Structures are given as C-alpha cells and as structure tokens.
Amino acid sequence: MSLLGTLNTGVSALRSFSKGLEVVGNNIANVNTSGFKSSRATFSDSFSNTVRSAVPSASSVVALSSTQVGTGVKLNAVAGKFTQGALNATGVITDLGVSGSGFFRVVNPTDDAQYVTRAGAFRLDYEGNLVTGQGYRVQGLTGGSAGSPPTTVGDIKLGTPPAGTALQSLSIDRSGNLIEFYSNGSSAITNRVLLQNFNDPNELKKVGDSLFAGLEAAGPVGGVNLAAANNGPGENGLGAIEAGTLELSNVDLTEEFADMITMQRSFQASSRLVTVSDSVLEDIVNLKR
C-alpha cells in the first residue's frame, strides 16, 4: 500500500504542476494582449494519512506526537494579479487607458449582459455608440448638451449637434468627460465614461475577449448600478482615464520564465518519483523468481 501511495502522490504532483504550466503558458501567450491581467497558480497539500494519533502527556503516560504521511499535492487556486500595466500611446482618441484602479463597464446589447474590462480599444459605431471590438457598449453618463451636463446612466453615445452645425472633433479628459466640438466654435460635454471598482476583483470570471463577468460576486463598490457619485474617474480611489492610450498586459516575462523553469523541474521530479516507485514495485514482483 505504501508504494501504491507513492505512485498516487507522484500522479497528483504531475496533475497539479501540469496545470501550473498551463497558467504560465497562458500568461506568456497573452504578453501582448491589451488589458490582460496575469494569473498565478498556488498549491496545497492533500489529505494526510494518520499512522498514529497524538497522545497528551499525563502522570503515567509519555506524550507522543502524531505521525502522518501526506498523500500528495493539489491545485489550491488560480488567482489573478490586477497590477497596473504600462500605458502605450496610440494617438486614437477613442482608445482609453486607466491609470489606477477601476474597470470599464460594458453591456452586450443583444442580451443586456454586463461585463467589465481594462482593455480600452474602443470605437464609435454607425449609431455613434462607443463600443468594444465585439460591439459591446461602454457605460457611463449620457444625454448632455451645451449648458446641461450628462446625468442619465446608459450607453455612451454622441449627442446631436446644434441646428446648423456639425461635429468637428471630440476629446475625452482624465475625468472621463467626452467633449464634442462643433463647426460654429461651440462645445458641449455630452457624456462621461464611468469606472467600476470591486472589493474582491479575484472573484471576477474571465470569459474571453479581455472581458470579466461575475460582477456581483466580486462585490462592486457602490453597487452594481453605475452612479456618478462613486464611479467618476479620479474620484473615490478610482484611477484617471488617459485618452489616446491602451493599457498593456501586466505579464512580467522574467518572472514567468522563472516560474516556468521551477514548474518544469517540479514536474520532472514528480515523474521521477513515479518511475522510482515503478522500479521498486518491479523488484518486489521479481522476489518470487
């Protein structure tokens, strides 16, 4: 049974470290993915078999410590690392990077599903909505005009130019205000991009396309519904928006390669444990010859 246990211990290590290599490989593969947040695998020991229970000391009994034999290792968790990625200037006004904490909120217009992202490679669609590459609409305050700030929470959408004018250009400041400039020289703040912070961002679930779901499980600060009072960029601990930039992946290749080497050697040692156990079992079987 002890040798069989050794085999199982080796197999558990092979399974765990292969998952660790998958995590490292995914990080390295996404080194150039905008807004990507790397992950790290942590491990914990499995259940330990108790050979002898502890015996407390008494007047006529000598104290004995417990004797336990471990049964291997298991994957404890794959936690995200939400450190800041470097901001890269693109010169595209609708590319938005966040310097500090906070996520962009986006909505799938087909089913109203809510997501957050740090990838700010946005564009304006044919209706004037600020959207992601998949067509998900960026959320914030909208409906503003000259002399009337935006107050309605919803899709960020370009306003209607004053009569007899046309939209000349637009800009987005560090507070997320979208300012439209018109051909008659006037301007108006028609929208404001808002950010969402979370009490436990590790509860967010990656769903691909640099999007995260599971907003309620992560504990959104101020609630799931966006509000200008606690979700304005640069306010209440939220970061500022840098227009014309994109946040790069926060993957540190030096760290990832070091982890990959460690994980690879651990995998090799585990495979060696299986090989040695098999060799000892073979010797036991051959004792009868």
C-alpha atoms as a PDB file:
ATOM      1  CA  MET A   1       0.000   0.000   0.000  1.00  0.00           C
ATOM      2  CA  SER A   2       2.879   2.381   0.776  1.00  0.00           C
ATOM      3  CA  LEU A   3       4.300   2.065  -2.745  1.00  0.00           C
ATOM      4  CA  LEU A   4       0.856   2.448  -4.249  1.00  0.00           C
ATOM      5  CA  GLY A   5       0.517   5.591  -2.158  1.00  0.00           C
ATOM      6  CA  THR A   6       3.808   6.846  -3.542  1.00  0.00           C
ATOM      7  CA  LEU A   7       2.549   6.343  -7.077  1.00  0.00           C
ATOM      8  CA  ASN A   8      -0.627   8.279  -6.281  1.00  0.00           C
ATOM      9  CA  THR A   9       1.452  11.050  -4.715  1.00  0.00           C
ATOM     10  CA  GLY A  10       3.543  11.321  -7.867  1.00  0.00           C
ATOM     11  CA  VAL A  11       0.477  11.346 -10.096  1.00  0.00           C
ATOM     12  CA  SER A  12      -1.147  14.110  -8.016  1.00  0.00           C
ATOM     13  CA  ALA A  13       2.006  16.191  -8.432  1.00  0.00           C
ATOM     14  CA  LEU A  14       2.075  15.602 -12.193  1.00  0.00           C
ATOM     15  CA  ARG A  15      -1.547  16.742 -12.487  1.00  0.00           C
ATOM     16  CA  SER A  16      -1.016  19.822 -10.324  1.00  0.00           C
ATOM     17  CA  PHE A  17       2.198  21.013 -11.963  1.00  0.00           C
ATOM     18  CA  SER A  18       0.790  20.460 -15.454  1.00  0.00           C
ATOM     19  CA  LYS A  19      -1.998  22.884 -14.515  1.00  0.00           C
ATOM     20  CA  GLY A  20       0.630  25.283 -13.219  1.00  0.00           C
ATOM     21  CA  LEU A  21       2.429  25.092 -16.559  1.00  0.00           C
ATOM     22  CA  GLU A  22      -0.876  25.847 -18.308  1.00  0.00           C
ATOM     23  CA  VAL A  23      -1.272  29.010 -16.227  1.00  0.00           C
ATOM     24  CA  VAL A  24       2.277  30.152 -17.014  1.00  0.00           C
ATOM     25  CA  GLY A  25       1.804  29.321 -20.689  1.00  0.00           C
ATOM     26  CA  ASN A  26      -1.409  31.353 -20.852  1.00  0.00           C
ATOM     27  CA  ASN A  27       0.336  34.339 -19.269  1.00  0.00           C
ATOM     28  CA  ILE A  28       3.187  34.207 -21.768  1.00  0.00           C
ATOM     29  CA  ALA A  29       0.778  33.775 -24.697  1.00  0.00           C
ATOM     30  CA  ASN A  30      -1.033  36.983 -23.681  1.00  0.00           C
ATOM     31  CA  VAL A  31       2.042  39.142 -23.179  1.00  0.00           C
ATOM     32  CA  ASN A  32       0.820  41.476 -25.963  1.00  0.00           C
ATOM     33  CA  THR A  33      -2.899  41.370 -25.132  1.00  0.00           C
ATOM     34  CA  SER A  34      -4.220  44.817 -24.183  1.00  0.00           C
ATOM     35  CA  GLY A  35      -5.710  44.960 -20.704  1.00  0.00           C
ATOM     36  CA  PHE A  36      -4.736  41.363 -19.896  1.00  0.00           C
ATOM     37  CA  LYS A  37      -4.230  40.535 -16.221  1.00  0.00           C
ATOM     38  CA  SER A  38      -1.907  37.641 -15.472  1.00  0.00           C
ATOM     39  CA  SER A  39      -2.663  34.796 -13.068  1.00  0.00           C
ATOM     40  CA  ARG A  40      -0.639  32.656 -10.698  1.00  0.00           C
ATOM     41  CA  ALA A  41      -1.212  29.109  -9.523  1.00  0.00           C
ATOM     42  CA  THR A  42      -0.899  28.204  -5.849  1.00  0.00           C
ATOM     43  CA  PHE A  43      -0.763  24.699  -4.420  1.00  0.00           C
ATOM     44  CA  SER A  44      -1.684  22.996  -1.159  1.00  0.00           C
ATOM     45  CA  ASP A  45      -1.051  19.573   0.310  1.00  0.00           C
ATOM     46  CA  SER A  46      -3.666  16.842   0.088  1.00  0.00           C
ATOM     47  CA  PHE A  47      -5.171  14.851   2.937  1.00  0.00           C
ATOM     48  CA  SER A  48      -2.582  13.207   5.210  1.00  0.00           C
ATOM     49  CA  ASN A  49      -2.959   9.625   6.433  1.00  0.00           C
ATOM     50  CA  THR A  50      -2.647   9.380  10.226  1.00  0.00           C
ATOM     51  CA  VAL A  51      -0.404   6.490  11.241  1.00  0.00           C
ATOM     52  CA  ARG A  52      -0.518   7.371  14.908  1.00  0.00           C
ATOM     53  CA  SER A  53      -2.634   9.906  16.758  1.00  0.00           C
ATOM     54  CA  ALA A  54      -1.133  12.289  19.281  1.00  0.00           C
ATOM     55  CA  VAL A  55      -1.193  11.249  22.930  1.00  0.00           C
ATOM     56  CA  PRO A  56      -1.182  14.057  25.513  1.00  0.00           C
ATOM     57  CA  SER A  57       1.164  13.825  28.461  1.00  0.00           C
ATOM     58  CA  ALA A  58      -0.126  12.583  31.799  1.00  0.00           C
ATOM     59  CA  SER A  59       1.340  11.499  35.112  1.00  0.00           C
ATOM     60  CA  SER A  60       1.958   7.948  33.884  1.00  0.00           C
ATOM     61  CA  VAL A  61       1.971   8.401  30.095  1.00  0.00           C
ATOM     62  CA  VAL A  62       4.710   9.891  27.947  1.00  0.00           C
ATOM     63  CA  ALA A  63       3.471  12.442  25.423  1.00  0.00           C
ATOM     64  CA  LEU A  64       3.547  11.234  21.818  1.00  0.00           C
ATOM     65  CA  SER A  65       3.250  13.403  18.744  1.00  0.00           C
ATOM     66  CA  SER A  66       1.079  12.366  15.864  1.00  0.00           C
ATOM     67  CA  THR A  67       2.579  10.611  12.849  1.00  0.00           C
ATOM     68  CA  GLN A  68       1.108  11.465   9.474  1.00  0.00           C
ATOM     69  CA  VAL A  69       2.058  10.672   5.898  1.00  0.00           C
ATOM     70  CA  GLY A  70       0.974  13.044   3.162  1.00  0.00           C
ATOM     71  CA  THR A  71      -0.812  11.871   0.039  1.00  0.00           C
ATOM     72  CA  GLY A  72       0.368  14.455  -2.456  1.00  0.00           C
ATOM     73  CA  VAL A  73      -0.393  17.934  -3.693  1.00  0.00           C
ATOM     74  CA  LYS A  74      -3.370  19.649  -5.307  1.00  0.00           C
ATOM     75  CA  LEU A  75      -4.073  22.897  -7.105  1.00  0.00           C
ATOM     76  CA  ASN A  76      -5.255  25.342  -4.449  1.00  0.00           C
ATOM     77  CA  ALA A  77      -6.261  28.340  -6.562  1.00  0.00           C
ATOM     78  CA  VAL A  78      -5.541  30.300  -9.720  1.00  0.00           C
ATOM     79  CA  ALA A  79      -5.605  33.922  -8.601  1.00  0.00           C
ATOM     80  CA  GLY A  80      -5.453  36.957 -10.832  1.00  0.00           C
ATOM     81  CA  LYS A  81      -2.840  39.679 -10.470  1.00  0.00           C
ATOM     82  CA  PHE A  82      -4.508  43.043 -11.031  1.00  0.00           C
ATOM     83  CA  THR A  83      -1.408  45.202 -11.009  1.00  0.00           C
ATOM     84  CA  GLN A  84      -1.155  48.199 -13.333  1.00  0.00           C
ATOM     85  CA  GLY A  85       0.025  47.578 -16.871  1.00  0.00           C
ATOM     86  CA  ALA A  86       2.062  50.138 -18.785  1.00  0.00           C
ATOM     87  CA  LEU A  87       0.131  52.673 -20.872  1.00  0.00           C
ATOM     88  CA  ASN A  88       1.078  52.791 -24.547  1.00  0.00           C
ATOM     89  CA  ALA A  89       0.252  55.875 -26.609  1.00  0.00           C
ATOM     90  CA  THR A  90      -1.753  55.101 -29.754  1.00  0.00           C
ATOM     91  CA  GLY A  91      -2.951  58.542 -30.835  1.00  0.00           C
ATOM     92  CA  VAL A  92      -6.506  57.220 -31.322  1.00  0.00           C
ATOM     93  CA  ILE A  93      -8.866  59.377 -29.269  1.00  0.00           C
ATOM     94  CA  THR A  94     -11.292  56.538 -28.548  1.00  0.00           C
ATOM     95  CA  ASP A  95      -8.521  54.331 -27.111  1.00  0.00           C
ATOM     96  CA  LEU A  96      -8.823  54.704 -23.348  1.00  0.00           C
ATOM     97  CA  GLY A  97      -6.377  53.536 -20.707  1.00  0.00           C
ATOM     98  CA  VAL A  98      -6.937  53.593 -16.950  1.00  0.00           C
ATOM     99  CA  SER A  99      -4.120  54.904 -14.767  1.00  0.00           C
ATOM    100  CA  GLY A 100      -5.011  53.386 -11.402  1.00  0.00           C
ATOM    101  CA  SER A 101      -7.915  51.307 -10.135  1.00  0.00           C
ATOM    102  CA  GLY A 102     -11.199  50.649 -11.897  1.00  0.00           C
ATOM    103  CA  PHE A 103     -12.727  48.820 -14.839  1.00  0.00           C
ATOM    104  CA  PHE A 104     -14.780  49.964 -17.803  1.00  0.00           C
ATOM    105  CA  ARG A 105     -18.364  48.708 -17.712  1.00  0.00           C
ATOM    106  CA  VAL A 106     -19.743  47.368 -20.996  1.00  0.00           C
ATOM    107  CA  VAL A 107     -23.072  45.819 -21.975  1.00  0.00           C
ATOM    108  CA  ASN A 108     -23.915  43.287 -24.672  1.00  0.00           C
ATOM    109  CA  PRO A 109     -26.831  44.977 -26.496  1.00  0.00           C
ATOM    110  CA  THR A 110     -28.300  41.638 -27.601  1.00  0.00           C
ATOM    111  CA  ASP A 111     -28.949  40.241 -24.107  1.00  0.00           C
ATOM    112  CA  ASP A 112     -28.025  43.138 -21.746  1.00  0.00           C
ATOM    113  CA  ALA A 113     -25.295  41.019 -20.111  1.00  0.00           C
ATOM    114  CA  GLN A 114     -22.927  43.121 -18.002  1.00  0.00           C
ATOM    115  CA  TYR A 115     -19.135  42.857 -18.207  1.00  0.00           C
ATOM    116  CA  VAL A 116     -16.083  44.821 -17.141  1.00  0.00           C
ATOM    117  CA  THR A 117     -12.759  45.198 -18.896  1.00  0.00           C
ATOM    118  CA  ARG A 118      -9.437  47.002 -18.724  1.00  0.00           C
ATOM    119  CA  ALA A 119      -8.968  46.800 -22.500  1.00  0.00           C
ATOM    120  CA  GLY A 120      -9.977  50.227 -23.748  1.00  0.00           C
ATOM    121  CA  ALA A 121      -9.627  49.685 -27.511  1.00  0.00           C
ATOM    122  CA  PHE A 122     -12.993  51.301 -28.236  1.00  0.00           C
ATOM    123  CA  ARG A 123     -14.507  52.728 -31.397  1.00  0.00           C
ATOM    124  CA  LEU A 124     -17.597  54.627 -32.500  1.00  0.00           C
ATOM    125  CA  ASP A 125     -20.158  52.510 -34.337  1.00  0.00           C
ATOM    126  CA  TYR A 126     -22.506  53.733 -37.084  1.00  0.00           C
ATOM    127  CA  GLU A 127     -25.020  54.960 -34.471  1.00  0.00           C
ATOM    128  CA  GLY A 128     -22.424  56.952 -32.551  1.00  0.00           C
ATOM    129  CA  ASN A 129     -22.151  54.500 -29.664  1.00  0.00           C
ATOM    130  CA  LEU A 130     -18.771  53.972 -28.011  1.00  0.00           C
ATOM    131  CA  VAL A 131     -18.273  50.218 -28.285  1.00  0.00           C
ATOM    132  CA  THR A 132     -15.676  47.462 -27.861  1.00  0.00           C
ATOM    133  CA  GLY A 133     -14.327  45.427 -30.744  1.00  0.00           C
ATOM    134  CA  GLN A 134     -17.190  42.949 -30.185  1.00  0.00           C
ATOM    135  CA  GLY A 135     -19.817  45.709 -30.305  1.00  0.00           C
ATOM    136  CA  TYR A 136     -20.447  45.831 -26.538  1.00  0.00           C
ATOM    137  CA  ARG A 137     -21.492  49.319 -25.466  1.00  0.00           C
ATOM    138  CA  VAL A 138     -19.441  51.316 -22.971  1.00  0.00           C
ATOM    139  CA  GLN A 139     -21.450  52.556 -19.992  1.00  0.00           C
ATOM    140  CA  GLY A 140     -21.475  55.929 -18.261  1.00  0.00           C
ATOM    141  CA  LEU A 141     -23.440  59.158 -18.098  1.00  0.00           C
ATOM    142  CA  THR A 142     -25.038  60.358 -21.315  1.00  0.00           C
ATOM    143  CA  GLY A 143     -27.611  62.815 -22.632  1.00  0.00           C
ATOM    144  CA  GLY A 144     -25.667  66.030 -22.034  1.00  0.00           C
ATOM    145  CA  SER A 145     -25.747  69.149 -24.186  1.00  0.00           C
ATOM    146  CA  ALA A 146     -24.469  72.731 -24.078  1.00  0.00           C
ATOM    147  CA  GLY A 147     -25.124  74.055 -20.559  1.00  0.00           C
ATOM    148  CA  SER A 148     -26.643  70.720 -19.439  1.00  0.00           C
ATOM    149  CA  PRO A 149     -24.245  68.043 -18.103  1.00  0.00           C
ATOM    150  CA  PRO A 150     -24.946  64.357 -18.735  1.00  0.00           C
ATOM    151  CA  THR A 151     -26.991  62.747 -15.953  1.00  0.00           C
ATOM    152  CA  THR A 152     -28.567  59.622 -17.459  1.00  0.00           C
ATOM    153  CA  VAL A 153     -26.781  56.321 -16.828  1.00  0.00           C
ATOM    154  CA  GLY A 154     -26.614  54.284 -20.013  1.00  0.00           C
ATOM    155  CA  ASP A 155     -24.738  53.765 -23.281  1.00  0.00           C
ATOM    156  CA  ILE A 156     -22.086  56.346 -24.164  1.00  0.00           C
ATOM    157  CA  LYS A 157     -23.408  57.889 -27.376  1.00  0.00           C
ATOM    158  CA  LEU A 158     -22.567  61.023 -29.340  1.00  0.00           C
ATOM    159  CA  GLY A 159     -25.049  63.842 -28.947  1.00  0.00           C
ATOM    160  CA  THR A 160     -26.980  65.695 -31.613  1.00  0.00           C
ATOM    161  CA  PRO A 161     -25.110  68.799 -32.867  1.00  0.00           C
ATOM    162  CA  PRO A 162     -26.913  72.147 -32.530  1.00  0.00           C
ATOM    163  CA  ALA A 163     -29.008  73.170 -35.531  1.00  0.00           C
ATOM    164  CA  GLY A 164     -26.920  74.392 -38.440  1.00  0.00           C
ATOM    165  CA  THR A 165     -23.681  72.924 -37.114  1.00  0.00           C
ATOM    166  CA  ALA A 166     -21.715  69.711 -37.473  1.00  0.00           C
ATOM    167  CA  LEU A 167     -19.429  67.718 -35.222  1.00  0.00           C
ATOM    168  CA  GLN A 168     -15.825  68.743 -35.862  1.00  0.00           C
ATOM    169  CA  SER A 169     -13.903  66.743 -33.266  1.00  0.00           C
ATOM    170  CA  LEU A 170     -14.107  65.264 -29.797  1.00  0.00           C
ATOM    171  CA  SER A 171     -11.872  64.686 -26.810  1.00  0.00           C
ATOM    172  CA  ILE A 172     -12.014  62.756 -23.551  1.00  0.00           C
ATOM    173  CA  ASP A 173     -10.382  64.213 -20.433  1.00  0.00           C
ATOM    174  CA  ARG A 174      -8.885  62.449 -17.417  1.00  0.00           C
ATOM    175  CA  SER A 175     -12.236  62.610 -15.604  1.00  0.00           C
ATOM    176  CA  GLY A 176     -13.924  60.692 -18.413  1.00  0.00           C
ATOM    177  CA  ASN A 177     -15.823  63.668 -19.828  1.00  0.00           C
ATOM    178  CA  LEU A 178     -16.482  63.328 -23.554  1.00  0.00           C
ATOM    179  CA  ILE A 179     -16.353  66.817 -25.048  1.00  0.00           C
ATOM    180  CA  GLU A 180     -17.768  67.455 -28.518  1.00  0.00           C
ATOM    181  CA  PHE A 181     -16.580  70.416 -30.599  1.00  0.00           C
ATOM    182  CA  TYR A 182     -18.851  71.822 -33.299  1.00  0.00           C
ATOM    183  CA  SER A 183     -18.296  73.773 -36.502  1.00  0.00           C
ATOM    184  CA  ASN A 184     -19.641  77.031 -35.036  1.00  0.00           C
ATOM    185  CA  GLY A 185     -16.904  77.050 -32.366  1.00  0.00           C
ATOM    186  CA  SER A 186     -19.119  75.842 -29.514  1.00  0.00           C
ATOM    187  CA  SER A 187     -18.578  72.731 -27.427  1.00  0.00           C
ATOM    188  CA  ALA A 188     -20.537  70.559 -25.020  1.00  0.00           C
ATOM    189  CA  ILE A 189     -19.880  67.757 -22.516  1.00  0.00           C
ATOM    190  CA  THR A 190     -22.342  65.156 -23.776  1.00  0.00           C
ATOM    191  CA  ASN A 191     -21.100  62.027 -21.978  1.00  0.00           C
ATOM    192  CA  ARG A 192     -18.924  60.857 -19.131  1.00  0.00           C
ATOM    193  CA  VAL A 193     -17.236  57.465 -19.068  1.00  0.00           C
ATOM    194  CA  LEU A 194     -17.549  55.896 -15.612  1.00  0.00           C
ATOM    195  CA  LEU A 195     -15.434  53.227 -13.941  1.00  0.00           C
ATOM    196  CA  GLN A 196     -16.310  50.360 -11.601  1.00  0.00           C
ATOM    197  CA  ASN A 197     -14.203  49.227  -8.661  1.00  0.00           C
ATOM    198  CA  PHE A 198     -14.544  45.936  -6.747  1.00  0.00           C
ATOM    199  CA  ASN A 199     -13.929  44.799  -3.186  1.00  0.00           C
ATOM    200  CA  ASP A 200     -12.557  41.443  -4.394  1.00  0.00           C
ATOM    201  CA  PRO A 201     -11.584  41.522  -8.079  1.00  0.00           C
ATOM    202  CA  ASN A 202     -10.319  37.919  -7.811  1.00  0.00           C
ATOM    203  CA  GLU A 203     -13.960  36.837  -7.864  1.00  0.00           C
ATOM    204  CA  LEU A 204     -14.313  38.194 -11.399  1.00  0.00           C
ATOM    205  CA  LYS A 205     -14.581  35.475 -14.032  1.00  0.00           C
ATOM    206  CA  LYS A 206     -12.622  35.676 -17.277  1.00  0.00           C
ATOM    207  CA  VAL A 207     -14.899  34.977 -20.250  1.00  0.00           C
ATOM    208  CA  GLY A 208     -12.533  35.772 -23.114  1.00  0.00           C
ATOM    209  CA  ASP A 209     -12.065  38.873 -25.270  1.00  0.00           C
ATOM    210  CA  SER A 210     -10.452  40.593 -22.240  1.00  0.00           C
ATOM    211  CA  LEU A 211     -13.859  40.658 -20.525  1.00  0.00           C
ATOM    212  CA  PHE A 212     -14.777  39.743 -16.961  1.00  0.00           C
ATOM    213  CA  ALA A 213     -18.181  38.545 -15.737  1.00  0.00           C
ATOM    214  CA  GLY A 214     -19.413  37.771 -12.212  1.00  0.00           C
ATOM    215  CA  LEU A 215     -19.730  41.391 -11.127  1.00  0.00           C
ATOM    216  CA  GLU A 216     -21.981  40.752  -8.135  1.00  0.00           C
ATOM    217  CA  ALA A 217     -19.713  38.019  -6.721  1.00  0.00           C
ATOM    218  CA  ALA A 218     -16.747  40.438  -6.801  1.00  0.00           C
ATOM    219  CA  GLY A 219     -18.601  42.981  -4.653  1.00  0.00           C
ATOM    220  CA  PRO A 220     -18.903  46.111  -6.807  1.00  0.00           C
ATOM    221  CA  VAL A 221     -18.140  49.222  -4.768  1.00  0.00           C
ATOM    222  CA  GLY A 222     -21.291  51.302  -4.592  1.00  0.00           C
ATOM    223  CA  GLY A 223     -23.453  48.519  -6.044  1.00  0.00           C
ATOM    224  CA  VAL A 224     -23.962  47.055  -9.487  1.00  0.00           C
ATOM    225  CA  ASN A 225     -25.740  50.135 -10.839  1.00  0.00           C
ATOM    226  CA  LEU A 226     -23.389  52.871 -12.007  1.00  0.00           C
ATOM    227  CA  ALA A 227     -23.738  56.280 -10.349  1.00  0.00           C
ATOM    228  CA  ALA A 228     -21.767  59.454 -10.828  1.00  0.00           C
ATOM    229  CA  ALA A 229     -21.334  59.864  -7.049  1.00  0.00           C
ATOM    230  CA  ASN A 230     -18.933  56.957  -6.630  1.00  0.00           C
ATOM    231  CA  ASN A 231     -17.806  55.885 -10.103  1.00  0.00           C
ATOM    232  CA  GLY A 232     -16.286  59.008 -11.606  1.00  0.00           C
ATOM    233  CA  PRO A 233     -12.682  58.583 -12.810  1.00  0.00           C
ATOM    234  CA  GLY A 234     -10.274  60.211 -10.383  1.00  0.00           C
ATOM    235  CA  GLU A 235     -12.805  60.061  -7.531  1.00  0.00           C
ATOM    236  CA  ASN A 236     -13.129  57.768  -4.509  1.00  0.00           C
ATOM    237  CA  GLY A 237      -9.943  55.843  -5.202  1.00  0.00           C
ATOM    238  CA  LEU A 238     -10.623  55.294  -8.905  1.00  0.00           C
ATOM    239  CA  GLY A 239      -7.925  55.894 -11.487  1.00  0.00           C
ATOM    240  CA  ALA A 240      -7.858  58.561 -14.165  1.00  0.00           C
ATOM    241  CA  ILE A 241      -8.627  57.985 -17.828  1.00  0.00           C
ATOM    242  CA  GLU A 242      -5.854  58.615 -20.320  1.00  0.00           C
ATOM    243  CA  ALA A 243      -7.311  59.110 -23.798  1.00  0.00           C
ATOM    244  CA  GLY A 244      -5.229  58.005 -26.767  1.00  0.00           C
ATOM    245  CA  THR A 245      -3.544  55.216 -24.819  1.00  0.00           C
ATOM    246  CA  LEU A 246      -4.026  51.496 -24.238  1.00  0.00           C
ATOM    247  CA  GLU A 247      -3.029  49.550 -21.146  1.00  0.00           C
ATOM    248  CA  LEU A 248      -0.609  46.782 -22.000  1.00  0.00           C
ATOM    249  CA  SER A 249      -0.574  43.341 -20.418  1.00  0.00           C
ATOM    250  CA  ASN A 250       0.880  43.233 -16.899  1.00  0.00           C
ATOM    251  CA  VAL A 251       2.746  39.982 -17.658  1.00  0.00           C
ATOM    252  CA  ASP A 252       6.346  40.066 -16.452  1.00  0.00           C
ATOM    253  CA  LEU A 253       8.230  37.739 -18.818  1.00  0.00           C
ATOM    254  CA  THR A 254      11.223  37.450 -16.489  1.00  0.00           C
ATOM    255  CA  GLU A 255       9.010  36.245 -13.662  1.00  0.00           C
ATOM    256  CA  GLU A 256       7.013  33.944 -15.938  1.00  0.00           C
ATOM    257  CA  PHE A 257      10.113  32.231 -17.353  1.00  0.00           C
ATOM    258  CA  ALA A 258      11.468  31.721 -13.832  1.00  0.00           C
ATOM    259  CA  ASP A 259       8.128  30.196 -12.779  1.00  0.00           C
ATOM    260  CA  MET A 260       8.126  28.018 -15.888  1.00  0.00           C
ATOM    261  CA  ILE A 261      11.571  26.627 -15.060  1.00  0.00           C
ATOM    262  CA  THR A 262      10.540  25.931 -11.467  1.00  0.00           C
ATOM    263  CA  MET A 263       7.313  24.284 -12.577  1.00  0.00           C
ATOM    264  CA  GLN A 264       9.115  22.212 -15.211  1.00  0.00           C
ATOM    265  CA  ARG A 265      11.684  20.927 -12.707  1.00  0.00           C
ATOM    266  CA  SER A 266       8.920  20.107 -10.238  1.00  0.00           C
ATOM    267  CA  PHE A 267       7.137  18.153 -12.960  1.00  0.00           C
ATOM    268  CA  GLN A 268      10.339  16.270 -13.793  1.00  0.00           C
ATOM    269  CA  ALA A 269      10.919  15.407 -10.128  1.00  0.00           C
ATOM    270  CA  SER A 270       7.342  14.135  -9.850  1.00  0.00           C
ATOM    271  CA  SER A 271       7.741  11.967 -12.932  1.00  0.00           C
ATOM    272  CA  ARG A 272      10.964  10.604 -11.439  1.00  0.00           C
ATOM    273  CA  LEU A 273       9.013   9.683  -8.290  1.00  0.00           C
ATOM    274  CA  VAL A 274       6.599   7.630 -10.389  1.00  0.00           C
ATOM    275  CA  THR A 275       9.497   5.941 -12.204  1.00  0.00           C
ATOM    276  CA  VAL A 276      11.298   5.019  -8.967  1.00  0.00           C
ATOM    277  CA  SER A 277       8.086   3.671  -7.428  1.00  0.00           C
ATOM    278  CA  ASP A 278       7.512   1.545 -10.512  1.00  0.00           C
ATOM    279  CA  SER A 279      11.082   0.218 -10.301  1.00  0.00           C
ATOM    280  CA  VAL A 280      10.658  -0.761  -6.637  1.00  0.00           C
ATOM    281  CA  LEU A 281       7.347  -2.476  -7.411  1.00  0.00           C
ATOM    282  CA  GLU A 282       9.090  -4.424 -10.178  1.00  0.00           C
ATOM    283  CA  ASP A 283      11.751  -5.588  -7.722  1.00  0.00           C
ATOM    284  CA  ILE A 284       9.088  -6.752  -5.274  1.00  0.00           C
ATOM    285  CA  VAL A 285       7.278  -8.697  -8.004  1.00  0.00           C
ATOM    286  CA  ASN A 286      10.556 -10.337  -9.009  1.00  0.00           C
ATOM    287  CA  LEU A 287      11.303 -11.548  -5.452  1.00  0.00           C
ATOM    288  CA  LYS A 288       9.407 -14.790  -6.147  1.00  0.00           C
ATOM    289  CA  ARG A 289      11.668 -15.773  -9.024  1.00  0.00           C
END
